[in-house]
Amino acid sequence: MAAKPKQKPKLTDADRHKRFLAMAREVGASDDPKAFKTAFKKVAAPKAKGVSKR
């Protein structure tokens, strides 16, 4: 029977946060609220007028 590979240690919140920030920098993410609104409008469907949810 083959030996099980060692499991990776779980990341702490601080390590996870560092990885998140590094990836955000790598992809060129912006923390500007106007940039967020512009990008969100490109991917979100506009609200339909006169249609109500039940």
PDB file of N, CA and C in Angstrom:
ATOM      1  N   MET A   1       0.835  -1.174   0.000  1.00  0.00           N
ATOM      2  CA  MET A   1       0.000   0.000   0.000  1.00  0.00           C
ATOM      3  C   MET A   1       0.887   1.247   0.000  1.00  0.00           C
ATOM      4  N   ALA A   2       0.548   2.214  -0.844  1.00  0.00           N
ATOM      5  CA  ALA A   2       1.352   3.428  -0.976  1.00  0.00           C
ATOM      6  C   ALA A   2       1.121   4.348   0.219  1.00  0.00           C
ATOM      7  N   ALA A   3       2.165   5.040   0.593  1.00  0.00           N
ATOM      8  CA  ALA A   3       2.057   5.989   1.702  1.00  0.00           C
ATOM      9  C   ALA A   3       1.273   7.219   1.248  1.00  0.00           C
ATOM     10  N   LYS A   4       0.487   7.779   2.159  1.00  0.00           N
ATOM     11  CA  LYS A   4      -0.292   8.969   1.847  1.00  0.00           C
ATOM     12  C   LYS A   4       0.640  10.175   1.805  1.00  0.00           C
ATOM     13  N   PRO A   5       0.420  11.056   0.845  1.00  0.00           N
ATOM     14  CA  PRO A   5       1.244  12.272   0.824  1.00  0.00           C
ATOM     15  C   PRO A   5       0.898  13.151   2.025  1.00  0.00           C
ATOM     16  N   LYS A   6       1.869  13.907   2.506  1.00  0.00           N
ATOM     17  CA  LYS A   6       1.632  14.791   3.645  1.00  0.00           C
ATOM     18  C   LYS A   6       0.657  15.887   3.240  1.00  0.00           C
ATOM     19  N   GLN A   7      -0.250  16.205   4.156  1.00  0.00           N
ATOM     20  CA  GLN A   7      -1.194  17.282   3.900  1.00  0.00           C
ATOM     21  C   GLN A   7      -0.513  18.615   4.136  1.00  0.00           C
ATOM     22  N   LYS A   8      -0.928  19.591   3.344  1.00  0.00           N
ATOM     23  CA  LYS A   8      -0.393  20.936   3.520  1.00  0.00           C
ATOM     24  C   LYS A   8      -0.969  21.511   4.811  1.00  0.00           C
ATOM     25  N   PRO A   9      -0.171  22.262   5.548  1.00  0.00           N
ATOM     26  CA  PRO A   9      -0.711  22.874   6.769  1.00  0.00           C
ATOM     27  C   PRO A   9      -1.762  23.913   6.398  1.00  0.00           C
ATOM     28  N   LYS A  10      -2.789  24.054   7.244  1.00  0.00           N
ATOM     29  CA  LYS A  10      -3.835  25.037   6.976  1.00  0.00           C
ATOM     30  C   LYS A  10      -3.275  26.439   7.129  1.00  0.00           C
ATOM     31  N   LEU A  11      -3.737  27.329   6.268  1.00  0.00           N
ATOM     32  CA  LEU A  11      -3.277  28.711   6.318  1.00  0.00           C
ATOM     33  C   LEU A  11      -3.976  29.461   7.445  1.00  0.00           C
ATOM     34  N   THR A  12      -3.236  30.341   8.076  1.00  0.00           N
ATOM     35  CA  THR A  12      -3.845  31.213   9.078  1.00  0.00           C
ATOM     36  C   THR A  12      -4.557  32.340   8.341  1.00  0.00           C
ATOM     37  N   ASP A  13      -5.363  33.085   9.053  1.00  0.00           N
ATOM     38  CA  ASP A  13      -6.057  34.209   8.427  1.00  0.00           C
ATOM     39  C   ASP A  13      -5.063  35.229   7.874  1.00  0.00           C
ATOM     40  N   ALA A  14      -3.980  35.443   8.612  1.00  0.00           N
ATOM     41  CA  ALA A  14      -2.967  36.411   8.157  1.00  0.00           C
ATOM     42  C   ALA A  14      -2.306  35.937   6.866  1.00  0.00           C
ATOM     43  N   ASP A  15      -1.978  34.641   6.780  1.00  0.00           N
ATOM     44  CA  ASP A  15      -1.369  34.099   5.563  1.00  0.00           C
ATOM     45  C   ASP A  15      -2.333  34.178   4.387  1.00  0.00           C
ATOM     46  N   ARG A  16      -3.583  33.875   4.644  1.00  0.00           N
ATOM     47  CA  ARG A  16      -4.608  33.920   3.592  1.00  0.00           C
ATOM     48  C   ARG A  16      -4.772  35.359   3.090  1.00  0.00           C
ATOM     49  N   HIS A  17      -4.746  36.312   4.017  1.00  0.00           N
ATOM     50  CA  HIS A  17      -4.875  37.726   3.654  1.00  0.00           C
ATOM     51  C   HIS A  17      -3.692  38.167   2.793  1.00  0.00           C
ATOM     52  N   LYS A  18      -2.487  37.750   3.156  1.00  0.00           N
ATOM     53  CA  LYS A  18      -1.293  38.101   2.374  1.00  0.00           C
ATOM     54  C   LYS A  18      -1.384  37.540   0.960  1.00  0.00           C
ATOM     55  N   ARG A  19      -1.847  36.304   0.832  1.00  0.00           N
ATOM     56  CA  ARG A  19      -1.985  35.695  -0.496  1.00  0.00           C
ATOM     57  C   ARG A  19      -3.039  36.425  -1.319  1.00  0.00           C
ATOM     58  N   PHE A  20      -4.142  36.826  -0.668  1.00  0.00           N
ATOM     59  CA  PHE A  20      -5.201  37.559  -1.348  1.00  0.00           C
ATOM     60  C   PHE A  20      -4.675  38.888  -1.887  1.00  0.00           C
ATOM     61  N   LEU A  21      -3.953  39.632  -1.064  1.00  0.00           N
ATOM     62  CA  LEU A  21      -3.408  40.921  -1.501  1.00  0.00           C
ATOM     63  C   LEU A  21      -2.398  40.752  -2.629  1.00  0.00           C
ATOM     64  N   ALA A  22      -1.564  39.726  -2.538  1.00  0.00           N
ATOM     65  CA  ALA A  22      -0.580  39.475  -3.588  1.00  0.00           C
ATOM     66  C   ALA A  22      -1.273  39.166  -4.918  1.00  0.00           C
ATOM     67  N   MET A  23      -2.319  38.368  -4.879  1.00  0.00           N
ATOM     68  CA  MET A  23      -3.043  38.035  -6.105  1.00  0.00           C
ATOM     69  C   MET A  23      -3.761  39.262  -6.655  1.00  0.00           C
ATOM     70  N   ALA A  24      -4.318  40.088  -5.785  1.00  0.00           N
ATOM     71  CA  ALA A  24      -4.993  41.310  -6.231  1.00  0.00           C
ATOM     72  C   ALA A  24      -4.004  42.238  -6.938  1.00  0.00           C
ATOM     73  N   ARG A  25      -2.807  42.370  -6.390  1.00  0.00           N
ATOM     74  CA  ARG A  25      -1.782  43.193  -7.040  1.00  0.00           C
ATOM     75  C   ARG A  25      -1.390  42.598  -8.383  1.00  0.00           C
ATOM     76  N   GLU A  26      -1.270  41.279  -8.429  1.00  0.00           N
ATOM     77  CA  GLU A  26      -0.842  40.599  -9.655  1.00  0.00           C
ATOM     78  C   GLU A  26      -1.830  40.810 -10.799  1.00  0.00           C
ATOM     79  N   VAL A  27      -3.125  40.784 -10.490  1.00  0.00           N
ATOM     80  CA  VAL A  27      -4.125  40.949 -11.544  1.00  0.00           C
ATOM     81  C   VAL A  27      -4.491  42.407 -11.786  1.00  0.00           C
ATOM     82  N   GLY A  28      -3.914  43.311 -10.992  1.00  0.00           N
ATOM     83  CA  GLY A  28      -4.149  44.734 -11.212  1.00  0.00           C
ATOM     84  C   GLY A  28      -5.477  45.226 -10.671  1.00  0.00           C
ATOM     85  N   ALA A  29      -5.950  44.621  -9.594  1.00  0.00           N
ATOM     86  CA  ALA A  29      -7.217  45.035  -8.989  1.00  0.00           C
ATOM     87  C   ALA A  29      -7.067  46.427  -8.377  1.00  0.00           C
ATOM     88  N   SER A  30      -8.162  47.161  -8.358  1.00  0.00           N
ATOM     89  CA  SER A  30      -8.168  48.510  -7.807  1.00  0.00           C
ATOM     90  C   SER A  30      -9.065  48.553  -6.583  1.00  0.00           C
ATOM     91  N   ASP A  31      -8.736  49.414  -5.619  1.00  0.00           N
ATOM     92  CA  ASP A  31      -9.607  49.563  -4.454  1.00  0.00           C
ATOM     93  C   ASP A  31     -10.442  50.839  -4.547  1.00  0.00           C
ATOM     94  N   ASP A  32     -10.474  51.439  -5.734  1.00  0.00           N
ATOM     95  CA  ASP A  32     -11.252  52.641  -5.976  1.00  0.00           C
ATOM     96  C   ASP A  32     -12.731  52.277  -6.141  1.00  0.00           C
ATOM     97  N   PRO A  33     -13.627  52.885  -5.350  1.00  0.00           N
ATOM     98  CA  PRO A  33     -15.067  52.567  -5.466  1.00  0.00           C
ATOM     99  C   PRO A  33     -15.641  52.840  -6.855  1.00  0.00           C
ATOM    100  N   LYS A  34     -15.143  53.867  -7.536  1.00  0.00           N
ATOM    101  CA  LYS A  34     -15.645  54.175  -8.886  1.00  0.00           C
ATOM    102  C   LYS A  34     -15.267  53.069  -9.866  1.00  0.00           C
ATOM    103  N   ALA A  35     -14.060  52.525  -9.726  1.00  0.00           N
ATOM    104  CA  ALA A  35     -13.629  51.433 -10.596  1.00  0.00           C
ATOM    105  C   ALA A  35     -14.481  50.196 -10.345  1.00  0.00           C
ATOM    106  N   PHE A  36     -14.837  49.956  -9.089  1.00  0.00           N
ATOM    107  CA  PHE A  36     -15.699  48.824  -8.760  1.00  0.00           C
ATOM    108  C   PHE A  36     -17.068  48.979  -9.407  1.00  0.00           C
ATOM    109  N   LYS A  37     -17.659  50.161  -9.283  1.00  0.00           N
ATOM    110  CA  LYS A  37     -18.988  50.393  -9.859  1.00  0.00           C
ATOM    111  C   LYS A  37     -18.966  50.206 -11.379  1.00  0.00           C
ATOM    112  N   THR A  38     -17.929  50.700 -12.018  1.00  0.00           N
ATOM    113  CA  THR A  38     -17.805  50.559 -13.470  1.00  0.00           C
ATOM    114  C   THR A  38     -17.713  49.089 -13.868  1.00  0.00           C
ATOM    115  N   ALA A  39     -16.866  48.342 -13.173  1.00  0.00           N
ATOM    116  CA  ALA A  39     -16.701  46.920 -13.482  1.00  0.00           C
ATOM    117  C   ALA A  39     -17.975  46.149 -13.173  1.00  0.00           C
ATOM    118  N   PHE A  40     -18.638  46.495 -12.082  1.00  0.00           N
ATOM    119  CA  PHE A  40     -19.861  45.790 -11.696  1.00  0.00           C
ATOM    120  C   PHE A  40     -20.969  46.008 -12.719  1.00  0.00           C
ATOM    121  N   LYS A  41     -21.066  47.213 -13.237  1.00  0.00           N
ATOM    122  CA  LYS A  41     -22.082  47.500 -14.250  1.00  0.00           C
ATOM    123  C   LYS A  41     -21.857  46.687 -15.516  1.00  0.00           C
ATOM    124  N   LYS A  42     -20.608  46.345 -15.800  1.00  0.00           N
ATOM    125  CA  LYS A  42     -20.312  45.560 -16.992  1.00  0.00           C
ATOM    126  C   LYS A  42     -20.775  44.109 -16.854  1.00  0.00           C
ATOM    127  N   VAL A  43     -20.780  43.579 -15.640  1.00  0.00           N
ATOM    128  CA  VAL A  43     -21.107  42.161 -15.467  1.00  0.00           C
ATOM    129  C   VAL A  43     -22.495  41.918 -14.895  1.00  0.00           C
ATOM    130  N   ALA A  44     -23.105  42.914 -14.268  1.00  0.00           N
ATOM    131  CA  ALA A  44     -24.424  42.735 -13.652  1.00  0.00           C
ATOM    132  C   ALA A  44     -25.514  43.165 -14.625  1.00  0.00           C
ATOM    133  N   ALA A  45     -26.598  42.422 -14.616  1.00  0.00           N
ATOM    134  CA  ALA A  45     -27.737  42.768 -15.452  1.00  0.00           C
ATOM    135  C   ALA A  45     -28.456  43.964 -14.834  1.00  0.00           C
ATOM    136  N   PRO A  46     -28.905  44.903 -15.654  1.00  0.00           N
ATOM    137  CA  PRO A  46     -29.627  46.056 -15.093  1.00  0.00           C
ATOM    138  C   PRO A  46     -30.972  45.612 -14.523  1.00  0.00           C
ATOM    139  N   LYS A  47     -31.435  46.336 -13.526  1.00  0.00           N
ATOM    140  CA  LYS A  47     -32.723  46.027 -12.913  1.00  0.00           C
ATOM    141  C   LYS A  47     -33.840  46.347 -13.917  1.00  0.00           C
ATOM    142  N   ALA A  48     -34.812  45.458 -13.983  1.00  0.00           N
ATOM    143  CA  ALA A  48     -35.956  45.670 -14.860  1.00  0.00           C
ATOM    144  C   ALA A  48     -36.919  46.642 -14.160  1.00  0.00           C
ATOM    145  N   LYS A  49     -37.381  47.638 -14.894  1.00  0.00           N
ATOM    146  CA  LYS A  49     -38.306  48.619 -14.316  1.00  0.00           C
ATOM    147  C   LYS A  49     -39.730  48.092 -14.404  1.00  0.00           C
ATOM    148  N   GLY A  50     -40.505  48.288 -13.364  1.00  0.00           N
ATOM    149  CA  GLY A  50     -41.910  47.907 -13.370  1.00  0.00           C
ATOM    150  C   GLY A  50     -42.161  46.449 -13.051  1.00  0.00           C
ATOM    151  N   VAL A  51     -41.143  45.664 -12.824  1.00  0.00           N
ATOM    152  CA  VAL A  51     -41.310  44.259 -12.497  1.00  0.00           C
ATOM    153  C   VAL A  51     -41.028  44.093 -11.011  1.00  0.00           C
ATOM    154  N   SER A  52     -41.992  43.511 -10.302  1.00  0.00           N
ATOM    155  CA  SER A  52     -41.785  43.317  -8.876  1.00  0.00           C
ATOM    156  C   SER A  52     -41.606  41.836  -8.561  1.00  0.00           C
ATOM    157  N   LYS A  53     -40.803  41.571  -7.569  1.00  0.00           N
ATOM    158  CA  LYS A  53     -40.608  40.192  -7.116  1.00  0.00           C
ATOM    159  C   LYS A  53     -41.690  39.843  -6.126  1.00  0.00           C
ATOM    160  N   ARG A  54     -42.094  38.631  -6.121  1.00  0.00           N
ATOM    161  CA  ARG A  54     -43.123  38.208  -5.160  1.00  0.00           C
ATOM    162  C   ARG A  54     -42.521  37.449  -4.043  1.00  0.00           C
TER     163      ARG A  54
END
